[in-house]
Amino acid sequence: MSEARRWYDKDPILKEALELLRLQPSDTRAEAADYILKLQEQVAADVIERLYETITKYQGKGNRWYDNDPVMIKAIEMLRLAPPKMQRMAALKLLLSLEQNSVDTEH
């Protein structure tokens, strides 16, 4: 089995949540980014420092689907740097929210 290419490929729930998020319209992604950014209150200052270094490095320069949106970069990096348990909890909530949003727009 090949090694996961992206940091979130290791957790199937996190992978699915981020893949679904990638396919969402920009307003839904903005709401999701706001939710993920609330994790900031629970993450240590050194993690925040690494987060801003990453944003500076990739904003508008990277090839990832979220590299052109500074808020989304911050949200995804915050999620990446969070402890695995918090990643999974956020991914589950994000999946539920995206699923609900999908059902609401179908009716």
PDB file of N, CA and C in Angstrom:
ATOM      1  N   MET A   1       0.849  -1.190   0.000  1.00  0.00           N
ATOM      2  CA  MET A   1       0.000   0.000   0.000  1.00  0.00           C
ATOM      3  C   MET A   1       0.887   1.243   0.000  1.00  0.00           C
ATOM      4  N   SER A   2       0.548   2.199  -0.815  1.00  0.00           N
ATOM      5  CA  SER A   2       1.374   3.403  -0.897  1.00  0.00           C
ATOM      6  C   SER A   2       1.116   4.330   0.291  1.00  0.00           C
ATOM      7  N   GLU A   3       2.132   5.097   0.593  1.00  0.00           N
ATOM      8  CA  GLU A   3       2.043   6.040   1.705  1.00  0.00           C
ATOM      9  C   GLU A   3       1.160   7.223   1.313  1.00  0.00           C
ATOM     10  N   ALA A   4       0.413   7.747   2.238  1.00  0.00           N
ATOM     11  CA  ALA A   4      -0.477   8.877   1.968  1.00  0.00           C
ATOM     12  C   ALA A   4       0.344  10.082   1.514  1.00  0.00           C
ATOM     13  N   ARG A   5      -0.150  10.772   0.489  1.00  0.00           N
ATOM     14  CA  ARG A   5       0.561  11.934  -0.035  1.00  0.00           C
ATOM     15  C   ARG A   5       0.275  13.184   0.777  1.00  0.00           C
ATOM     16  N   ARG A   6      -0.942  13.319   1.245  1.00  0.00           N
ATOM     17  CA  ARG A   6      -1.336  14.527   1.972  1.00  0.00           C
ATOM     18  C   ARG A   6      -1.508  14.182   3.450  1.00  0.00           C
ATOM     19  N   TRP A   7      -1.299  15.168   4.298  1.00  0.00           N
ATOM     20  CA  TRP A   7      -1.345  14.925   5.743  1.00  0.00           C
ATOM     21  C   TRP A   7      -2.685  14.371   6.180  1.00  0.00           C
ATOM     22  N   TYR A   8      -3.776  14.708   5.507  1.00  0.00           N
ATOM     23  CA  TYR A   8      -5.095  14.258   5.943  1.00  0.00           C
ATOM     24  C   TYR A   8      -5.519  12.926   5.327  1.00  0.00           C
ATOM     25  N   ASP A   9      -4.719  12.364   4.436  1.00  0.00           N
ATOM     26  CA  ASP A   9      -5.056  11.070   3.831  1.00  0.00           C
ATOM     27  C   ASP A   9      -4.992   9.923   4.829  1.00  0.00           C
ATOM     28  N   LYS A  10      -4.308  10.129   5.946  1.00  0.00           N
ATOM     29  CA  LYS A  10      -4.132   9.062   6.934  1.00  0.00           C
ATOM     30  C   LYS A  10      -5.421   8.732   7.674  1.00  0.00           C
ATOM     31  N   ASP A  11      -6.329   9.685   7.775  1.00  0.00           N
ATOM     32  CA  ASP A  11      -7.591   9.477   8.486  1.00  0.00           C
ATOM     33  C   ASP A  11      -8.728   9.550   7.471  1.00  0.00           C
ATOM     34  N   PRO A  12      -9.453   8.444   7.261  1.00  0.00           N
ATOM     35  CA  PRO A  12     -10.494   8.435   6.226  1.00  0.00           C
ATOM     36  C   PRO A  12     -11.601   9.465   6.452  1.00  0.00           C
ATOM     37  N   ILE A  13     -11.941   9.739   7.692  1.00  0.00           N
ATOM     38  CA  ILE A  13     -12.983  10.724   7.973  1.00  0.00           C
ATOM     39  C   ILE A  13     -12.493  12.126   7.653  1.00  0.00           C
ATOM     40  N   LEU A  14     -11.281  12.424   8.073  1.00  0.00           N
ATOM     41  CA  LEU A  14     -10.692  13.726   7.783  1.00  0.00           C
ATOM     42  C   LEU A  14     -10.523  13.905   6.274  1.00  0.00           C
ATOM     43  N   LYS A  15     -10.083  12.868   5.596  1.00  0.00           N
ATOM     44  CA  LYS A  15      -9.907  12.920   4.143  1.00  0.00           C
ATOM     45  C   LYS A  15     -11.244  13.212   3.452  1.00  0.00           C
ATOM     46  N   GLU A  16     -12.279  12.497   3.843  1.00  0.00           N
ATOM     47  CA  GLU A  16     -13.586  12.698   3.226  1.00  0.00           C
ATOM     48  C   GLU A  16     -14.115  14.109   3.496  1.00  0.00           C
ATOM     49  N   ALA A  17     -13.939  14.589   4.729  1.00  0.00           N
ATOM     50  CA  ALA A  17     -14.424  15.929   5.080  1.00  0.00           C
ATOM     51  C   ALA A  17     -13.730  16.988   4.226  1.00  0.00           C
ATOM     52  N   LEU A  18     -12.426  16.877   4.067  1.00  0.00           N
ATOM     53  CA  LEU A  18     -11.697  17.880   3.288  1.00  0.00           C
ATOM     54  C   LEU A  18     -11.983  17.760   1.800  1.00  0.00           C
ATOM     55  N   GLU A  19     -12.196  16.556   1.308  1.00  0.00           N
ATOM     56  CA  GLU A  19     -12.567  16.401  -0.105  1.00  0.00           C
ATOM     57  C   GLU A  19     -13.946  17.012  -0.365  1.00  0.00           C
ATOM     58  N   LEU A  20     -14.887  16.775   0.539  1.00  0.00           N
ATOM     59  CA  LEU A  20     -16.209  17.389   0.398  1.00  0.00           C
ATOM     60  C   LEU A  20     -16.122  18.901   0.497  1.00  0.00           C
ATOM     61  N   LEU A  21     -15.319  19.387   1.426  1.00  0.00           N
ATOM     62  CA  LEU A  21     -15.146  20.827   1.584  1.00  0.00           C
ATOM     63  C   LEU A  21     -14.597  21.440   0.304  1.00  0.00           C
ATOM     64  N   ARG A  22     -13.665  20.770  -0.326  1.00  0.00           N
ATOM     65  CA  ARG A  22     -13.059  21.265  -1.570  1.00  0.00           C
ATOM     66  C   ARG A  22     -14.117  21.463  -2.658  1.00  0.00           C
ATOM     67  N   LEU A  23     -15.146  20.636  -2.664  1.00  0.00           N
ATOM     68  CA  LEU A  23     -16.168  20.679  -3.707  1.00  0.00           C
ATOM     69  C   LEU A  23     -17.305  21.652  -3.414  1.00  0.00           C
ATOM     70  N   GLN A  24     -17.298  22.259  -2.241  1.00  0.00           N
ATOM     71  CA  GLN A  24     -18.382  23.145  -1.833  1.00  0.00           C
ATOM     72  C   GLN A  24     -18.259  24.516  -2.490  1.00  0.00           C
ATOM     73  N   PRO A  25     -19.399  25.237  -2.596  1.00  0.00           N
ATOM     74  CA  PRO A  25     -19.339  26.622  -3.077  1.00  0.00           C
ATOM     75  C   PRO A  25     -18.583  27.492  -2.072  1.00  0.00           C
ATOM     76  N   SER A  26     -18.099  28.626  -2.530  1.00  0.00           N
ATOM     77  CA  SER A  26     -17.228  29.460  -1.693  1.00  0.00           C
ATOM     78  C   SER A  26     -17.907  29.928  -0.409  1.00  0.00           C
ATOM     79  N   ASP A  27     -19.214  30.199  -0.413  1.00  0.00           N
ATOM     80  CA  ASP A  27     -19.864  30.653   0.820  1.00  0.00           C
ATOM     81  C   ASP A  27     -19.901  29.539   1.866  1.00  0.00           C
ATOM     82  N   THR A  28     -20.109  28.308   1.431  1.00  0.00           N
ATOM     83  CA  THR A  28     -20.095  27.178   2.357  1.00  0.00           C
ATOM     84  C   THR A  28     -18.687  26.951   2.887  1.00  0.00           C
ATOM     85  N   ARG A  29     -17.698  27.084   2.011  1.00  0.00           N
ATOM     86  CA  ARG A  29     -16.312  26.927   2.457  1.00  0.00           C
ATOM     87  C   ARG A  29     -15.942  28.012   3.453  1.00  0.00           C
ATOM     88  N   ALA A  30     -16.444  29.218   3.257  1.00  0.00           N
ATOM     89  CA  ALA A  30     -16.159  30.307   4.199  1.00  0.00           C
ATOM     90  C   ALA A  30     -16.735  29.991   5.574  1.00  0.00           C
ATOM     91  N   GLU A  31     -17.953  29.475   5.622  1.00  0.00           N
ATOM     92  CA  GLU A  31     -18.563  29.095   6.903  1.00  0.00           C
ATOM     93  C   GLU A  31     -17.748  27.991   7.569  1.00  0.00           C
ATOM     94  N   ALA A  32     -17.293  27.032   6.774  1.00  0.00           N
ATOM     95  CA  ALA A  32     -16.488  25.935   7.316  1.00  0.00           C
ATOM     96  C   ALA A  32     -15.159  26.461   7.848  1.00  0.00           C
ATOM     97  N   ALA A  33     -14.562  27.389   7.119  1.00  0.00           N
ATOM     98  CA  ALA A  33     -13.297  27.979   7.571  1.00  0.00           C
ATOM     99  C   ALA A  33     -13.486  28.681   8.910  1.00  0.00           C
ATOM    100  N   ASP A  34     -14.586  29.411   9.056  1.00  0.00           N
ATOM    101  CA  ASP A  34     -14.866  30.083  10.333  1.00  0.00           C
ATOM    102  C   ASP A  34     -14.948  29.073  11.463  1.00  0.00           C
ATOM    103  N   TYR A  35     -15.630  27.961  11.208  1.00  0.00           N
ATOM    104  CA  TYR A  35     -15.759  26.921  12.225  1.00  0.00           C
ATOM    105  C   TYR A  35     -14.386  26.356  12.598  1.00  0.00           C
ATOM    106  N   ILE A  36     -13.601  26.024  11.581  1.00  0.00           N
ATOM    107  CA  ILE A  36     -12.288  25.429  11.835  1.00  0.00           C
ATOM    108  C   ILE A  36     -11.395  26.404  12.584  1.00  0.00           C
ATOM    109  N   LEU A  37     -11.501  27.684  12.250  1.00  0.00           N
ATOM    110  CA  LEU A  37     -10.655  28.681  12.903  1.00  0.00           C
ATOM    111  C   LEU A  37     -10.964  28.821  14.392  1.00  0.00           C
ATOM    112  N   LYS A  38     -12.148  28.410  14.807  1.00  0.00           N
ATOM    113  CA  LYS A  38     -12.471  28.440  16.236  1.00  0.00           C
ATOM    114  C   LYS A  38     -11.574  27.488  17.024  1.00  0.00           C
ATOM    115  N   LEU A  39     -10.953  26.559  16.318  1.00  0.00           N
ATOM    116  CA  LEU A  39      -9.993  25.659  16.975  1.00  0.00           C
ATOM    117  C   LEU A  39      -8.791  26.431  17.504  1.00  0.00           C
ATOM    118  N   GLN A  40      -8.572  27.620  16.948  1.00  0.00           N
ATOM    119  CA  GLN A  40      -7.415  28.432  17.339  1.00  0.00           C
ATOM    120  C   GLN A  40      -7.361  28.644  18.842  1.00  0.00           C
ATOM    121  N   GLU A  41      -8.522  28.779  19.441  1.00  0.00           N
ATOM    122  CA  GLU A  41      -8.584  29.000  20.887  1.00  0.00           C
ATOM    123  C   GLU A  41      -8.030  27.813  21.663  1.00  0.00           C
ATOM    124  N   GLN A  42      -7.980  26.642  21.025  1.00  0.00           N
ATOM    125  CA  GLN A  42      -7.563  25.424  21.716  1.00  0.00           C
ATOM    126  C   GLN A  42      -6.160  24.971  21.324  1.00  0.00           C
ATOM    127  N   VAL A  43      -5.479  25.747  20.497  1.00  0.00           N
ATOM    128  CA  VAL A  43      -4.160  25.350  20.004  1.00  0.00           C
ATOM    129  C   VAL A  43      -3.100  26.269  20.598  1.00  0.00           C
ATOM    130  N   ALA A  44      -1.959  25.704  20.938  1.00  0.00           N
ATOM    131  CA  ALA A  44      -0.888  26.450  21.607  1.00  0.00           C
ATOM    132  C   ALA A  44      -0.249  27.506  20.702  1.00  0.00           C
ATOM    133  N   ALA A  45       0.430  28.474  21.304  1.00  0.00           N
ATOM    134  CA  ALA A  45       1.038  29.599  20.585  1.00  0.00           C
ATOM    135  C   ALA A  45       2.093  29.153  19.579  1.00  0.00           C
ATOM    136  N   ASP A  46       2.849  28.113  19.878  1.00  0.00           N
ATOM    137  CA  ASP A  46       3.870  27.661  18.920  1.00  0.00           C
ATOM    138  C   ASP A  46       3.244  27.118  17.650  1.00  0.00           C
ATOM    139  N   VAL A  47       2.082  26.509  17.785  1.00  0.00           N
ATOM    140  CA  VAL A  47       1.354  26.019  16.624  1.00  0.00           C
ATOM    141  C   VAL A  47       0.891  27.201  15.777  1.00  0.00           C
ATOM    142  N   ILE A  48       0.422  28.247  16.432  1.00  0.00           N
ATOM    143  CA  ILE A  48      -0.021  29.449  15.715  1.00  0.00           C
ATOM    144  C   ILE A  48       1.142  30.041  14.921  1.00  0.00           C
ATOM    145  N   GLU A  49       2.323  30.053  15.501  1.00  0.00           N
ATOM    146  CA  GLU A  49       3.496  30.582  14.809  1.00  0.00           C
ATOM    147  C   GLU A  49       3.786  29.771  13.543  1.00  0.00           C
ATOM    148  N   ARG A  50       3.758  28.447  13.643  1.00  0.00           N
ATOM    149  CA  ARG A  50       3.985  27.591  12.470  1.00  0.00           C
ATOM    150  C   ARG A  50       2.909  27.821  11.424  1.00  0.00           C
ATOM    151  N   LEU A  51       1.687  28.063  11.889  1.00  0.00           N
ATOM    152  CA  LEU A  51       0.572  28.324  10.992  1.00  0.00           C
ATOM    153  C   LEU A  51       0.844  29.556  10.136  1.00  0.00           C
ATOM    154  N   TYR A  52       1.262  30.645  10.753  1.00  0.00           N
ATOM    155  CA  TYR A  52       1.514  31.869  10.002  1.00  0.00           C
ATOM    156  C   TYR A  52       2.707  31.736   9.070  1.00  0.00           C
ATOM    157  N   GLU A  53       3.699  30.952   9.452  1.00  0.00           N
ATOM    158  CA  GLU A  53       4.826  30.687   8.552  1.00  0.00           C
ATOM    159  C   GLU A  53       4.346  29.956   7.301  1.00  0.00           C
ATOM    160  N   THR A  54       3.460  29.000   7.472  1.00  0.00           N
ATOM    161  CA  THR A  54       2.919  28.241   6.348  1.00  0.00           C
ATOM    162  C   THR A  54       2.090  29.137   5.445  1.00  0.00           C
ATOM    163  N   ILE A  55       1.257  29.978   6.042  1.00  0.00           N
ATOM    164  CA  ILE A  55       0.430  30.889   5.248  1.00  0.00           C
ATOM    165  C   ILE A  55       1.321  31.784   4.392  1.00  0.00           C
ATOM    166  N   THR A  56       2.349  32.343   4.995  1.00  0.00           N
ATOM    167  CA  THR A  56       3.263  33.218   4.272  1.00  0.00           C
ATOM    168  C   THR A  56       3.942  32.465   3.130  1.00  0.00           C
ATOM    169  N   LYS A  57       4.302  31.236   3.375  1.00  0.00           N
ATOM    170  CA  LYS A  57       5.014  30.435   2.379  1.00  0.00           C
ATOM    171  C   LYS A  57       4.136  30.083   1.173  1.00  0.00           C
ATOM    172  N   TYR A  58       2.870  29.735   1.407  1.00  0.00           N
ATOM    173  CA  TYR A  58       2.037  29.175   0.344  1.00  0.00           C
ATOM    174  C   TYR A  58       0.997  30.117  -0.261  1.00  0.00           C
ATOM    175  N   GLN A  59       0.614  31.167   0.414  1.00  0.00           N
ATOM    176  CA  GLN A  59      -0.493  31.995  -0.068  1.00  0.00           C
ATOM    177  C   GLN A  59      -0.260  32.467  -1.499  1.00  0.00           C
ATOM    178  N   GLY A  60      -1.139  32.056  -2.386  1.00  0.00           N
ATOM    179  CA  GLY A  60      -1.077  32.445  -3.784  1.00  0.00           C
ATOM    180  C   GLY A  60       0.032  31.777  -4.572  1.00  0.00           C
ATOM    181  N   LYS A  61       0.815  30.917  -3.934  1.00  0.00           N
ATOM    182  CA  LYS A  61       1.967  30.303  -4.599  1.00  0.00           C
ATOM    183  C   LYS A  61       1.851  28.789  -4.710  1.00  0.00           C
ATOM    184  N   GLY A  62       1.041  28.187  -3.872  1.00  0.00           N
ATOM    185  CA  GLY A  62       0.974  26.731  -3.834  1.00  0.00           C
ATOM    186  C   GLY A  62       0.026  26.161  -4.869  1.00  0.00           C
ATOM    187  N   ASN A  63       0.056  24.847  -4.975  1.00  0.00           N
ATOM    188  CA  ASN A  63      -0.789  24.135  -5.932  1.00  0.00           C
ATOM    189  C   ASN A  63      -2.010  23.486  -5.290  1.00  0.00           C
ATOM    190  N   ARG A  64      -2.149  23.630  -3.973  1.00  0.00           N
ATOM    191  CA  ARG A  64      -3.284  22.994  -3.293  1.00  0.00           C
ATOM    192  C   ARG A  64      -4.555  23.795  -3.570  1.00  0.00           C
ATOM    193  N   TRP A  65      -5.692  23.135  -3.508  1.00  0.00           N
ATOM    194  CA  TRP A  65      -6.958  23.777  -3.864  1.00  0.00           C
ATOM    195  C   TRP A  65      -7.276  24.970  -2.984  1.00  0.00           C
ATOM    196  N   TYR A  66      -6.694  25.077  -1.822  1.00  0.00           N
ATOM    197  CA  TYR A  66      -7.015  26.170  -0.903  1.00  0.00           C
ATOM    198  C   TYR A  66      -5.937  27.245  -0.828  1.00  0.00           C
ATOM    199  N   ASP A  67      -4.879  27.133  -1.614  1.00  0.00           N
ATOM    200  CA  ASP A  67      -3.762  28.069  -1.513  1.00  0.00           C
ATOM    201  C   ASP A  67      -4.071  29.498  -1.974  1.00  0.00           C
ATOM    202  N   ASN A  68      -5.135  29.708  -2.707  1.00  0.00           N
ATOM    203  CA  ASN A  68      -5.458  31.059  -3.176  1.00  0.00           C
ATOM    204  C   ASN A  68      -6.415  31.805  -2.261  1.00  0.00           C
ATOM    205  N   ASP A  69      -6.820  31.175  -1.194  1.00  0.00           N
ATOM    206  CA  ASP A  69      -7.753  31.791  -0.245  1.00  0.00           C
ATOM    207  C   ASP A  69      -7.070  31.844   1.124  1.00  0.00           C
ATOM    208  N   PRO A  70      -6.637  33.040   1.560  1.00  0.00           N
ATOM    209  CA  PRO A  70      -5.871  33.127   2.819  1.00  0.00           C
ATOM    210  C   PRO A  70      -6.641  32.626   4.036  1.00  0.00           C
ATOM    211  N   VAL A  71      -7.943  32.815   4.071  1.00  0.00           N
ATOM    212  CA  VAL A  71      -8.733  32.331   5.207  1.00  0.00           C
ATOM    213  C   VAL A  71      -8.778  30.802   5.186  1.00  0.00           C
ATOM    214  N   MET A  72      -8.946  30.231   3.997  1.00  0.00           N
ATOM    215  CA  MET A  72      -9.003  28.778   3.888  1.00  0.00           C
ATOM    216  C   MET A  72      -7.640  28.171   4.204  1.00  0.00           C
ATOM    217  N   ILE A  73      -6.541  28.811   3.771  1.00  0.00           N
ATOM    218  CA  ILE A  73      -5.209  28.315   4.141  1.00  0.00           C
ATOM    219  C   ILE A  73      -5.098  28.252   5.659  1.00  0.00           C
ATOM    220  N   LYS A  74      -5.485  29.329   6.314  1.00  0.00           N
ATOM    221  CA  LYS A  74      -5.386  29.387   7.776  1.00  0.00           C
ATOM    222  C   LYS A  74      -6.234  28.291   8.414  1.00  0.00           C
ATOM    223  N   ALA A  75      -7.456  28.114   7.915  1.00  0.00           N
ATOM    224  CA  ALA A  75      -8.352  27.108   8.488  1.00  0.00           C
ATOM    225  C   ALA A  75      -7.796  25.695   8.302  1.00  0.00           C
ATOM    226  N   ILE A  76      -7.355  25.376   7.104  1.00  0.00           N
ATOM    227  CA  ILE A  76      -6.857  24.025   6.833  1.00  0.00           C
ATOM    228  C   ILE A  76      -5.565  23.762   7.595  1.00  0.00           C
ATOM    229  N   GLU A  77      -4.685  24.750   7.660  1.00  0.00           N
ATOM    230  CA  GLU A  77      -3.442  24.574   8.412  1.00  0.00           C
ATOM    231  C   GLU A  77      -3.730  24.418   9.909  1.00  0.00           C
ATOM    232  N   MET A  78      -4.709  25.156  10.413  1.00  0.00           N
ATOM    233  CA  MET A  78      -5.105  25.020  11.814  1.00  0.00           C
ATOM    234  C   MET A  78      -5.565  23.585  12.067  1.00  0.00           C
ATOM    235  N   LEU A  79      -6.353  23.067  11.150  1.00  0.00           N
ATOM    236  CA  LEU A  79      -6.832  21.696  11.281  1.00  0.00           C
ATOM    237  C   LEU A  79      -5.667  20.710  11.202  1.00  0.00           C
ATOM    238  N   ARG A  80      -4.727  20.960  10.295  1.00  0.00           N
ATOM    239  CA  ARG A  80      -3.581  20.058  10.128  1.00  0.00           C
ATOM    240  C   ARG A  80      -2.725  20.003  11.389  1.00  0.00           C
ATOM    241  N   LEU A  81      -2.588  21.133  12.059  1.00  0.00           N
ATOM    242  CA  LEU A  81      -1.719  21.209  13.236  1.00  0.00           C
ATOM    243  C   LEU A  81      -2.420  20.811  14.536  1.00  0.00           C
ATOM    244  N   ALA A  82      -3.716  20.624  14.483  1.00  0.00           N
ATOM    245  CA  ALA A  82      -4.471  20.226  15.671  1.00  0.00           C
ATOM    246  C   ALA A  82      -4.159  18.768  16.017  1.00  0.00           C
ATOM    247  N   PRO A  83      -4.351  18.398  17.281  1.00  0.00           N
ATOM    248  CA  PRO A  83      -4.158  16.993  17.671  1.00  0.00           C
ATOM    249  C   PRO A  83      -5.123  16.088  16.893  1.00  0.00           C
ATOM    250  N   PRO A  84      -4.721  14.844  16.619  1.00  0.00           N
ATOM    251  CA  PRO A  84      -5.557  13.924  15.825  1.00  0.00           C
ATOM    252  C   PRO A  84      -6.997  13.790  16.321  1.00  0.00           C
ATOM    253  N   LYS A  85      -7.180  13.738  17.621  1.00  0.00           N
ATOM    254  CA  LYS A  85      -8.546  13.608  18.159  1.00  0.00           C
ATOM    255  C   LYS A  85      -9.388  14.826  17.776  1.00  0.00           C
ATOM    256  N   MET A  86      -8.795  16.012  17.858  1.00  0.00           N
ATOM    257  CA  MET A  86      -9.501  17.234  17.488  1.00  0.00           C
ATOM    258  C   MET A  86      -9.755  17.275  15.980  1.00  0.00           C
ATOM    259  N   GLN A  87      -8.796  16.791  15.182  1.00  0.00           N
ATOM    260  CA  GLN A  87      -8.985  16.725  13.731  1.00  0.00           C
ATOM    261  C   GLN A  87     -10.211  15.887  13.395  1.00  0.00           C
ATOM    262  N   ARG A  88     -10.281  14.733  14.031  1.00  0.00           N
ATOM    263  CA  ARG A  88     -11.385  13.810  13.747  1.00  0.00           C
ATOM    264  C   ARG A  88     -12.723  14.401  14.186  1.00  0.00           C
ATOM    265  N   MET A  89     -12.750  15.020  15.355  1.00  0.00           N
ATOM    266  CA  MET A  89     -13.979  15.641  15.842  1.00  0.00           C
ATOM    267  C   MET A  89     -14.425  16.742  14.875  1.00  0.00           C
ATOM    268  N   ALA A  90     -13.495  17.582  14.445  1.00  0.00           N
ATOM    269  CA  ALA A  90     -13.819  18.658  13.513  1.00  0.00           C
ATOM    270  C   ALA A  90     -14.287  18.087  12.182  1.00  0.00           C
ATOM    271  N   ALA A  91     -13.636  17.022  11.708  1.00  0.00           N
ATOM    272  CA  ALA A  91     -14.018  16.408  10.439  1.00  0.00           C
ATOM    273  C   ALA A  91     -15.432  15.847  10.499  1.00  0.00           C
ATOM    274  N   LEU A  92     -15.770  15.185  11.602  1.00  0.00           N
ATOM    275  CA  LEU A  92     -17.122  14.646  11.746  1.00  0.00           C
ATOM    276  C   LEU A  92     -18.168  15.756  11.748  1.00  0.00           C
ATOM    277  N   LYS A  93     -17.907  16.823  12.489  1.00  0.00           N
ATOM    278  CA  LYS A  93     -18.844  17.944  12.522  1.00  0.00           C
ATOM    279  C   LYS A  93     -18.951  18.603  11.156  1.00  0.00           C
ATOM    280  N   LEU A  94     -17.831  18.712  10.468  1.00  0.00           N
ATOM    281  CA  LEU A  94     -17.812  19.313   9.142  1.00  0.00           C
ATOM    282  C   LEU A  94     -18.609  18.462   8.157  1.00  0.00           C
ATOM    283  N   LEU A  95     -18.432  17.143   8.216  1.00  0.00           N
ATOM    284  CA  LEU A  95     -19.202  16.247   7.347  1.00  0.00           C
ATOM    285  C   LEU A  95     -20.692  16.384   7.587  1.00  0.00           C
ATOM    286  N   LEU A  96     -21.074  16.406   8.854  1.00  0.00           N
ATOM    287  CA  LEU A  96     -22.500  16.555   9.175  1.00  0.00           C
ATOM    288  C   LEU A  96     -23.046  17.877   8.659  1.00  0.00           C
ATOM    289  N   SER A  97     -22.290  18.934   8.837  1.00  0.00           N
ATOM    290  CA  SER A  97     -22.715  20.249   8.385  1.00  0.00           C
ATOM    291  C   SER A  97     -22.825  20.309   6.861  1.00  0.00           C
ATOM    292  N   LEU A  98     -21.829  19.764   6.164  1.00  0.00           N
ATOM    293  CA  LEU A  98     -21.853  19.771   4.701  1.00  0.00           C
ATOM    294  C   LEU A  98     -22.988  18.914   4.168  1.00  0.00           C
ATOM    295  N   GLU A  99     -23.235  17.795   4.835  1.00  0.00           N
ATOM    296  CA  GLU A  99     -24.336  16.926   4.426  1.00  0.00           C
ATOM    297  C   GLU A  99     -25.667  17.628   4.612  1.00  0.00           C
ATOM    298  N   GLN A 100     -25.835  18.307   5.740  1.00  0.00           N
ATOM    299  CA  GLN A 100     -27.067  19.046   6.011  1.00  0.00           C
ATOM    300  C   GLN A 100     -27.246  20.166   4.978  1.00  0.00           C
ATOM    301  N   ASN A 101     -26.178  20.863   4.655  1.00  0.00           N
ATOM    302  CA  ASN A 101     -26.224  21.936   3.683  1.00  0.00           C
ATOM    303  C   ASN A 101     -26.639  21.399   2.315  1.00  0.00           C
ATOM    304  N   SER A 102     -26.137  20.219   1.966  1.00  0.00           N
ATOM    305  CA  SER A 102     -26.469  19.585   0.698  1.00  0.00           C
ATOM    306  C   SER A 102     -27.953  19.219   0.649  1.00  0.00           C
ATOM    307  N   VAL A 103     -28.476  18.679   1.743  1.00  0.00           N
ATOM    308  CA  VAL A 103     -29.894  18.314   1.823  1.00  0.00           C
ATOM    309  C   VAL A 103     -30.762  19.562   1.742  1.00  0.00           C
ATOM    310  N   ASP A 104     -30.356  20.628   2.428  1.00  0.00           N
ATOM    311  CA  ASP A 104     -31.126  21.874   2.426  1.00  0.00           C
ATOM    312  C   ASP A 104     -31.207  22.497   1.044  1.00  0.00           C
ATOM    313  N   THR A 105     -30.160  22.404   0.246  1.00  0.00           N
ATOM    314  CA  THR A 105     -30.167  23.019  -1.085  1.00  0.00           C
ATOM    315  C   THR A 105     -30.899  22.174  -2.107  1.00  0.00           C
ATOM    316  N   GLU A 106     -31.122  20.894  -1.812  1.00  0.00           N
ATOM    317  CA  GLU A 106     -31.850  20.038  -2.729  1.00  0.00           C
ATOM    318  C   GLU A 106     -33.359  20.269  -2.643  1.00  0.00           C
ATOM    319  N   HIS A 107     -33.826  20.797  -1.538  1.00  0.00           N
ATOM    320  CA  HIS A 107     -35.285  20.965  -1.339  1.00  0.00           C
ATOM    321  C   HIS A 107     -35.688  22.398  -1.472  1.00  0.00           C
TER     322      HIS A 107
END
